[in-house]
Amino acid sequence: MKFKLFALLAVASMVLSACGGSPAGNVPVTGPLQEIGEGEGEVSIVAWAGYVERGDTDPAFDWVTQFEAETSCRVTVKTAATSDEMVALMNEGGFDLVTASGDASNRLISGGRVQELNLDLIPSYDQIDPRLQDAPWHTVDTDGDGTPEHYGVPYSSGENILMYNTDVFGDSPPTSWDVVFEEMELPDGESNAGRIQAYDGPIYVADAALYLMAHRPELGITDPYALTREQFDAAVELLREQRKLVNRYWHDAFVQMDDFTNEGVAASGSWPFQANLLKFGGAPIDKVVPVEGATGWADSTMLHVDAAHPNCAYKWMEWSLTPKVQGDLAAWFQNIPVRLDACEGNELLGPTGCVDNGLNDFDKIWWWRTPTSDCGDGRMECVPYHEWVTSYVAVIGGR
């Protein structure tokens, strides 16, 4: 059932790409809202495709209609394909909320585009997985008092798994990312050259750094998002070598699924979305979080500094945390709910939905965040994100 539902999303490209920024900077000149008043009649949201459903694609997936009926806040959605687009739209203004990934949220905070939140107005906040409640991609000490302020409400998270063709690997499934980074003969007797893919986004440098963290300990990498020049150069060099093996740099989930089905791709970093959909459809596909761990994305709903409809926006942020909404979103997008009780009793998600989407791998994941020159330990010698962008563009271009 799930794979049939997801196929209806084929018109949308659900791309998660990163954007640069620094977690320190401007803050709104006014404080957060102190009480929720009467709704303004509408709320506008910048969101990833599939994040805010009103049943138009499939009537079983609708978490907007009831909200509108109960609050009289009409929901409008602007779908964004990348983190860069989200940041650009929030910079332009005219929107109330954005579902920002961890690699974009710090940029929005540092740019003063989003405002501090009053968690007292979001009663369900304490039901969120404690591992996400104070995550550094939406909590930042912007006023220098030593206590981070909250700028986002967790909405969704997911992992970048290794997807592989079971016909190729047979009784020897992969356990390491080496199958996409090192040239080798695969269990079917053929080389992996031309049969692997890599993610089309500069944040993928972190995947290379994560691999090196395990396989080249002499580099001293302890955080794949905080890389010294030597560490960064080593990751980029690994990506240059990987380019010789790459069939395609993917960013469209459905194109990648077609490549695995029809173009002979054997292995690639991917999302549970693609792997589960293909597997449920009968394709010889499985997925794993390798021994080195994996990167992942965690998205937060953030309120524009000049939001025209803050009352409706707060009502939506509270609504987004209800177990039914969280469970339905997890079933639709194949993510991990931000409140774990949403994993139970949801007909659309099913009894194993959260586990299938990566719930038990949480502690193995290095969550996306924007690389900055601040290494996080007092050193200011790490390579900032804009250099990740230029270097990765050069890698893809064969330079």
Protein backbone atom coordinates (compact mmCIF):
# COMPACT_ATOMS: atom_id res chain seq x y z
CA MET A 1 0.00 0.00 0.00
CA LYS A 2 2.75 2.40 1.01
CA PHE A 3 4.70 2.11 -2.22
CA LYS A 4 1.56 2.85 -4.24
CA LEU A 5 0.92 5.96 -2.19
CA PHE A 6 4.45 7.22 -2.57
CA ALA A 7 4.43 6.73 -6.31
CA LEU A 8 1.88 9.50 -6.46
CA LEU A 9 4.59 11.90 -5.34
CA ALA A 10 6.60 11.32 -8.50
CA VAL A 11 5.82 14.79 -9.78
CA ALA A 12 7.79 16.27 -6.90
CA SER A 13 11.54 16.16 -6.45
CA MET A 14 12.30 15.90 -2.75
CA VAL A 15 15.80 17.25 -2.70
CA LEU A 16 17.67 17.92 0.50
CA SER A 17 20.66 20.08 -0.17
CA ALA A 18 22.67 22.30 2.08
CA CYS A 19 23.44 25.96 2.40
CA GLY A 20 26.11 27.90 4.20
CA GLY A 21 26.07 30.05 7.26
CA SER A 22 27.30 30.69 10.78
CA PRO A 23 25.38 30.08 14.00
CA ALA A 24 26.16 33.47 15.49
CA GLY A 25 24.64 36.75 14.40
CA ASN A 26 21.63 38.98 14.57
CA VAL A 27 18.56 38.41 16.72
CA PRO A 28 15.08 39.90 16.41
CA VAL A 29 14.70 43.27 18.08
CA THR A 30 11.49 42.17 19.79
CA GLY A 31 10.99 39.20 22.06
CA PRO A 32 8.89 36.13 21.34
CA LEU A 33 5.11 36.13 21.46
CA GLN A 34 3.81 35.99 25.04
CA GLU A 35 0.32 34.63 24.46
CA ILE A 36 -1.68 33.19 21.59
CA GLY A 37 -4.60 35.31 20.59
CA GLU A 38 -7.27 34.93 17.97
CA GLY A 39 -5.96 33.50 14.72
CA GLU A 40 -5.38 35.84 11.81
CA GLY A 41 -7.22 33.53 9.42
CA GLU A 42 -4.22 32.14 7.57
CA VAL A 43 -0.68 30.83 7.86
CA SER A 44 1.85 30.48 5.03
CA ILE A 45 4.51 27.75 5.15
CA VAL A 46 7.62 27.10 3.08
CA ALA A 47 8.01 23.32 3.15
CA TRP A 48 9.60 20.32 1.52
CA ALA A 49 7.37 18.45 -0.92
CA GLY A 50 5.15 16.01 0.96
CA TYR A 51 5.57 17.72 4.33
CA VAL A 52 2.18 19.47 4.49
CA GLU A 53 -0.55 17.30 3.00
CA ARG A 54 -4.27 18.10 2.73
CA GLY A 55 -5.37 14.93 0.94
CA ASP A 56 -5.01 16.27 -2.59
CA THR A 57 -2.61 13.50 -3.60
CA ASP A 58 -4.19 10.77 -1.49
CA PRO A 59 -7.20 11.37 0.78
CA ALA A 60 -5.73 9.11 3.47
CA PHE A 61 -2.97 11.63 4.06
CA ASP A 62 -4.48 14.89 5.26
CA TRP A 63 -3.31 16.75 8.34
CA VAL A 64 -4.40 20.20 7.13
CA THR A 65 -8.19 20.02 6.80
CA GLN A 66 -8.87 19.31 10.47
CA PHE A 67 -6.43 22.02 11.55
CA GLU A 68 -8.21 24.57 9.38
CA ALA A 69 -11.60 23.53 10.71
CA GLU A 70 -10.51 23.79 14.34
CA THR A 71 -8.53 27.04 14.10
CA SER A 72 -10.01 28.91 11.10
CA CYS A 73 -6.39 29.36 9.94
CA ARG A 74 -6.18 28.68 6.21
CA VAL A 75 -2.92 26.94 5.33
CA THR A 76 -1.01 27.87 2.19
CA VAL A 77 2.20 26.08 1.22
CA LYS A 78 5.11 27.09 -0.97
CA THR A 79 7.07 23.97 -1.88
CA ALA A 80 10.84 24.39 -1.96
CA ALA A 81 13.19 21.91 -3.62
CA THR A 82 16.41 22.82 -1.80
CA SER A 83 17.69 24.39 1.38
CA ASP A 84 19.09 27.25 -0.70
CA GLU A 85 15.62 27.96 -2.04
CA MET A 86 14.17 27.93 1.46
CA VAL A 87 16.72 30.43 2.69
CA ALA A 88 16.12 32.66 -0.33
CA LEU A 89 12.35 32.62 0.20
CA MET A 90 12.71 33.46 3.88
CA ASN A 91 15.12 36.26 2.99
CA GLU A 92 12.51 37.69 0.62
CA GLY A 93 9.83 37.49 3.30
CA GLY A 94 6.09 37.08 3.03
CA PHE A 95 6.01 33.69 4.75
CA ASP A 96 5.28 32.72 8.34
CA LEU A 97 6.97 29.34 8.75
CA VAL A 98 9.64 27.18 7.13
CA THR A 99 10.53 23.51 7.62
CA ALA A 100 14.30 24.03 7.59
CA SER A 101 16.88 21.27 7.54
CA GLY A 102 19.76 21.36 10.00
CA ASP A 103 22.15 22.62 7.33
CA ALA A 104 19.97 25.68 6.68
CA SER A 105 18.51 26.51 10.08
CA ASN A 106 21.69 28.03 11.51
CA ARG A 107 21.95 30.29 8.49
CA LEU A 108 18.42 31.54 9.04
CA ILE A 109 19.21 32.22 12.70
CA SER A 110 22.49 34.01 11.99
CA GLY A 111 20.81 36.09 9.30
CA GLY A 112 18.07 37.23 11.64
CA ARG A 113 15.39 35.72 9.40
CA VAL A 114 13.69 33.68 12.15
CA GLN A 115 12.65 34.62 15.66
CA GLU A 116 13.08 33.10 19.08
CA LEU A 117 10.14 30.92 20.14
CA ASN A 118 8.17 30.90 23.38
CA LEU A 119 7.96 27.20 24.19
CA ASP A 120 5.31 27.89 26.83
CA LEU A 121 2.94 28.45 23.90
CA ILE A 122 3.72 24.99 22.47
CA PRO A 123 2.43 22.60 25.18
CA SER A 124 3.46 19.44 23.33
CA TYR A 125 7.10 20.47 23.11
CA ASP A 126 8.04 18.36 26.13
CA GLN A 127 6.70 15.28 24.30
CA ILE A 128 9.44 15.60 21.67
CA ASP A 129 12.27 13.06 21.71
CA PRO A 130 14.71 14.55 24.27
CA ARG A 131 17.56 14.00 21.81
CA LEU A 132 15.98 16.64 19.54
CA GLN A 133 14.57 19.13 22.03
CA ASP A 134 17.78 21.15 22.42
CA ALA A 135 19.57 20.22 19.20
CA PRO A 136 22.25 22.71 18.08
CA TRP A 137 20.68 23.27 14.67
CA HIS A 138 17.71 25.10 16.19
CA THR A 139 18.98 26.24 19.61
CA VAL A 140 21.64 28.96 19.64
CA ASP A 141 22.90 31.32 22.33
CA THR A 142 22.38 34.51 20.33
CA ASP A 143 22.33 36.95 23.26
CA GLY A 144 25.52 35.68 24.88
CA ASP A 145 24.03 34.84 28.27
CA GLY A 146 25.26 31.26 28.15
CA THR A 147 21.81 29.74 27.60
CA PRO A 148 20.77 28.78 24.06
CA GLU A 149 17.49 30.19 22.78
CA HIS A 150 15.02 28.03 20.83
CA TYR A 151 14.38 29.02 17.23
CA GLY A 152 12.70 25.88 15.91
CA VAL A 153 10.24 23.11 16.68
CA PRO A 154 11.48 19.68 15.54
CA TYR A 155 9.28 18.31 12.76
CA SER A 156 11.01 15.38 11.06
CA SER A 157 14.29 13.48 10.87
CA GLY A 158 15.80 10.78 8.67
CA GLU A 159 19.06 9.03 7.86
CA ASN A 160 21.23 8.74 4.78
CA ILE A 161 21.44 4.97 4.46
CA LEU A 162 23.45 2.74 2.11
CA MET A 163 21.01 1.28 -0.42
CA TYR A 164 22.15 -1.77 -2.37
CA ASN A 165 20.97 -4.32 -4.93
CA THR A 166 20.57 -7.73 -3.24
CA ASP A 167 21.01 -9.56 -6.57
CA VAL A 168 24.48 -8.02 -6.82
CA PHE A 169 25.55 -8.68 -3.23
CA GLY A 170 23.81 -12.02 -2.68
CA ASP A 171 24.90 -13.66 0.56
CA SER A 172 27.54 -10.95 1.18
CA PRO A 173 25.61 -7.74 1.91
CA PRO A 174 27.76 -4.63 2.34
CA THR A 175 28.67 -3.54 5.85
CA SER A 176 30.90 -0.56 5.01
CA TRP A 177 30.77 2.58 2.89
CA ASP A 178 33.88 1.26 1.14
CA VAL A 179 31.65 -0.10 -1.64
CA VAL A 180 30.96 3.48 -2.80
CA PHE A 181 34.35 5.04 -2.00
CA GLU A 182 36.90 2.42 -3.04
CA GLU A 183 37.17 0.62 -6.37
CA MET A 184 36.56 -3.08 -5.83
CA GLU A 185 35.05 -6.24 -7.25
CA LEU A 186 31.52 -6.74 -5.96
CA PRO A 187 30.15 -10.18 -4.99
CA ASP A 188 28.66 -10.67 -8.47
CA GLY A 189 32.18 -10.67 -9.89
CA GLU A 190 31.98 -7.24 -11.55
CA SER A 191 33.70 -4.00 -10.60
CA ASN A 192 31.76 -1.27 -8.80
CA ALA A 193 33.08 1.28 -11.33
CA GLY A 194 30.15 2.92 -13.06
CA ARG A 195 27.69 1.19 -10.73
CA ILE A 196 27.58 3.48 -7.72
CA GLN A 197 26.10 6.90 -7.08
CA ALA A 198 26.86 9.86 -4.81
CA TYR A 199 24.65 12.63 -3.46
CA ASP A 200 24.57 15.83 -5.50
CA GLY A 201 25.17 18.31 -2.69
CA PRO A 202 28.19 19.86 -0.97
CA ILE A 203 27.10 18.49 2.41
CA TYR A 204 28.17 15.10 1.00
CA VAL A 205 31.74 16.09 1.90
CA ALA A 206 30.71 15.07 5.43
CA ASP A 207 30.00 11.52 4.21
CA ALA A 208 33.55 11.29 2.88
CA ALA A 209 34.89 12.72 6.16
CA LEU A 210 32.86 10.19 8.14
CA TYR A 211 34.42 7.37 6.11
CA LEU A 212 37.92 8.76 6.67
CA MET A 213 37.24 9.16 10.39
CA ALA A 214 37.06 5.36 10.59
CA HIS A 215 39.63 4.40 7.98
CA ARG A 216 42.33 7.05 8.38
CA PRO A 217 42.49 7.74 12.12
CA GLU A 218 45.81 9.55 11.70
CA LEU A 219 43.83 12.49 10.27
CA GLY A 220 42.27 13.03 13.68
CA ILE A 221 38.73 13.68 12.42
CA THR A 222 36.29 13.74 15.33
CA ASP A 223 33.40 15.58 13.67
CA PRO A 224 32.61 15.29 9.93
CA TYR A 225 31.25 18.86 9.89
CA ALA A 226 34.27 20.44 11.60
CA LEU A 227 37.24 19.80 9.33
CA THR A 228 40.67 21.38 9.42
CA ARG A 229 42.31 22.17 6.11
CA GLU A 230 44.24 18.88 6.08
CA GLN A 231 41.13 16.88 6.93
CA PHE A 232 39.01 18.73 4.39
CA ASP A 233 41.58 18.26 1.63
CA ALA A 234 41.70 14.53 2.38
CA ALA A 235 37.90 14.28 2.12
CA VAL A 236 37.88 16.16 -1.18
CA GLU A 237 40.63 13.95 -2.56
CA LEU A 238 38.59 10.87 -1.63
CA LEU A 239 35.65 12.37 -3.51
CA ARG A 240 37.85 13.00 -6.55
CA GLU A 241 38.82 9.34 -6.57
CA GLN A 242 35.19 8.34 -6.07
CA ARG A 243 34.19 10.34 -9.15
CA LYS A 244 35.87 7.69 -11.32
CA LEU A 245 33.31 5.19 -10.01
CA VAL A 246 30.17 7.33 -10.07
CA ASN A 247 27.31 6.52 -12.42
CA ARG A 248 25.36 9.64 -11.44
CA TYR A 249 25.33 12.35 -8.80
CA TRP A 250 21.74 12.03 -7.67
CA HIS A 251 19.38 14.56 -6.15
CA ASP A 252 16.01 13.37 -7.42
CA ALA A 253 14.69 10.40 -5.43
CA PHE A 254 12.64 9.02 -8.31
CA VAL A 255 15.47 9.25 -10.83
CA GLN A 256 17.65 7.31 -8.42
CA MET A 257 14.99 4.63 -8.02
CA ASP A 258 14.79 4.29 -11.80
CA ASP A 259 18.58 3.98 -11.99
CA PHE A 260 18.55 1.13 -9.49
CA THR A 261 15.71 -0.56 -11.36
CA ASN A 262 16.80 -0.05 -14.96
CA GLU A 263 20.40 1.23 -15.13
CA GLY A 264 22.30 -1.40 -13.17
CA VAL A 265 23.26 0.73 -10.16
CA ALA A 266 24.53 -1.54 -7.39
CA ALA A 267 24.95 0.74 -4.36
CA SER A 268 24.59 4.33 -3.23
CA GLY A 269 23.91 6.56 -0.31
CA SER A 270 20.18 7.15 -0.24
CA TRP A 271 17.15 7.78 2.00
CA PRO A 272 14.76 5.25 3.55
CA PHE A 273 12.16 6.73 1.20
CA GLN A 274 13.75 5.22 -1.91
CA ALA A 275 14.90 1.98 -0.33
CA ASN A 276 11.59 1.18 1.35
CA LEU A 277 9.55 2.13 -1.69
CA LEU A 278 11.60 -0.07 -4.02
CA LYS A 279 11.66 -2.98 -1.56
CA PHE A 280 7.91 -2.80 -0.90
CA GLY A 281 7.40 -2.81 -4.66
CA GLY A 282 9.27 -6.10 -5.02
CA ALA A 283 12.64 -4.80 -6.26
CA PRO A 284 15.81 -6.62 -5.08
CA ILE A 285 16.77 -3.76 -2.78
CA ASP A 286 17.79 -3.50 0.85
CA LYS A 287 19.43 -0.89 3.05
CA VAL A 288 21.90 -0.67 5.92
CA VAL A 289 23.62 1.84 8.17
CA PRO A 290 27.25 0.76 7.71
CA VAL A 291 29.76 0.21 10.50
CA GLU A 292 31.12 3.74 10.10
CA GLY A 293 27.69 5.22 10.87
CA ALA A 294 25.89 7.67 8.59
CA THR A 295 24.90 11.29 8.15
CA GLY A 296 21.28 12.39 8.45
CA TRP A 297 18.88 15.31 8.34
CA ALA A 298 16.69 16.79 11.04
CA ASP A 299 14.17 19.48 10.12
CA SER A 300 12.63 22.14 12.35
CA THR A 301 9.66 24.43 11.87
CA MET A 302 10.89 28.01 12.26
CA LEU A 303 8.96 31.30 12.55
CA HIS A 304 9.88 34.24 10.32
CA VAL A 305 11.06 37.31 12.19
CA ASP A 306 8.36 39.38 10.46
CA ALA A 307 5.61 36.75 10.38
CA ALA A 308 2.28 38.38 9.59
CA HIS A 309 0.27 35.57 11.20
CA PRO A 310 2.10 34.58 14.41
CA ASN A 311 -1.01 33.33 16.23
CA CYS A 312 -1.93 30.91 13.48
CA ALA A 313 1.76 29.98 13.17
CA TYR A 314 1.97 28.99 16.83
CA LYS A 315 -1.26 27.04 16.48
CA TRP A 316 0.28 25.15 13.55
CA MET A 317 3.52 24.41 15.41
CA GLU A 318 1.52 22.85 18.25
CA TRP A 319 -0.67 20.94 15.76
CA SER A 320 2.42 19.60 13.97
CA LEU A 321 3.42 17.75 17.15
CA THR A 322 0.20 15.79 17.61
CA PRO A 323 0.80 12.02 17.44
CA LYS A 324 -1.55 11.53 14.48
CA VAL A 325 0.17 14.20 12.39
CA GLN A 326 3.61 12.87 13.28
CA GLY A 327 2.63 9.28 12.51
CA ASP A 328 0.95 10.15 9.22
CA LEU A 329 3.92 12.26 8.14
CA ALA A 330 6.28 9.37 8.94
CA ALA A 331 4.16 7.01 6.85
CA TRP A 332 4.01 9.44 3.93
CA PHE A 333 7.61 10.66 3.91
CA GLN A 334 9.19 7.58 5.55
CA ASN A 335 10.92 9.63 8.21
CA ILE A 336 11.25 9.23 11.98
CA PRO A 337 8.60 11.03 14.08
CA VAL A 338 9.95 13.62 16.48
CA ARG A 339 7.72 12.23 19.24
CA LEU A 340 8.15 8.52 19.65
CA ASP A 341 4.63 7.73 20.84
CA ALA A 342 3.57 8.53 17.27
CA CYS A 343 5.12 5.18 16.31
CA GLU A 344 2.32 3.29 18.05
CA GLY A 345 -1.20 2.68 16.80
CA ASN A 346 -0.98 4.58 13.52
CA GLU A 347 -2.80 2.64 10.81
CA LEU A 348 -0.92 4.31 7.96
CA LEU A 349 2.51 3.85 9.56
CA GLY A 350 1.94 0.28 10.70
CA PRO A 351 3.59 -1.55 13.59
CA THR A 352 7.09 -1.58 12.09
CA GLY A 353 7.04 1.74 10.27
CA CYS A 354 9.34 3.62 12.61
CA VAL A 355 11.89 0.81 12.72
CA ASP A 356 11.74 0.50 8.93
CA ASN A 357 12.44 4.23 8.67
CA GLY A 358 15.52 4.04 10.90
CA LEU A 359 14.35 4.60 14.47
CA ASN A 360 16.88 2.20 15.99
CA ASP A 361 19.78 3.82 14.14
CA PHE A 362 19.37 7.24 15.75
CA ASP A 363 22.58 7.16 17.78
CA LYS A 364 24.63 6.15 14.75
CA ILE A 365 23.71 9.30 12.83
CA TRP A 366 25.73 12.49 12.43
CA TRP A 367 23.01 15.06 11.83
CA TRP A 368 23.50 17.67 9.12
CA ARG A 369 24.61 21.11 10.21
CA THR A 370 26.28 24.04 8.50
CA PRO A 371 30.10 23.86 8.59
CA THR A 372 31.74 27.06 9.81
CA SER A 373 35.27 28.20 10.62
CA ASP A 374 34.44 27.62 14.31
CA CYS A 375 35.53 24.06 15.07
CA GLY A 376 33.42 24.02 18.22
CA ASP A 377 36.35 23.59 20.59
CA GLY A 378 37.79 27.09 20.61
CA ARG A 379 39.71 26.72 17.36
CA MET A 380 38.74 28.94 14.40
CA GLU A 381 40.55 26.93 11.74
CA CYS A 382 37.85 24.72 10.24
CA VAL A 383 36.82 25.03 6.60
CA PRO A 384 33.56 27.01 6.21
CA TYR A 385 30.67 25.89 4.07
CA HIS A 386 31.27 28.19 1.10
CA GLU A 387 34.50 26.28 0.44
CA TRP A 388 32.58 23.01 0.63
CA VAL A 389 30.39 24.37 -2.17
CA THR A 390 33.20 25.44 -4.49
CA SER A 391 35.23 22.28 -3.89
CA TYR A 392 32.33 19.91 -4.45
CA VAL A 393 31.31 21.70 -7.65
CA ALA A 394 34.88 21.22 -8.82
CA VAL A 395 34.79 17.50 -7.95
CA ILE A 396 31.60 16.94 -9.91
CA GLY A 397 33.07 18.91 -12.79
CA GLY A 398 36.17 16.70 -12.83
CA ARG A 399 38.55 19.30 -11.43
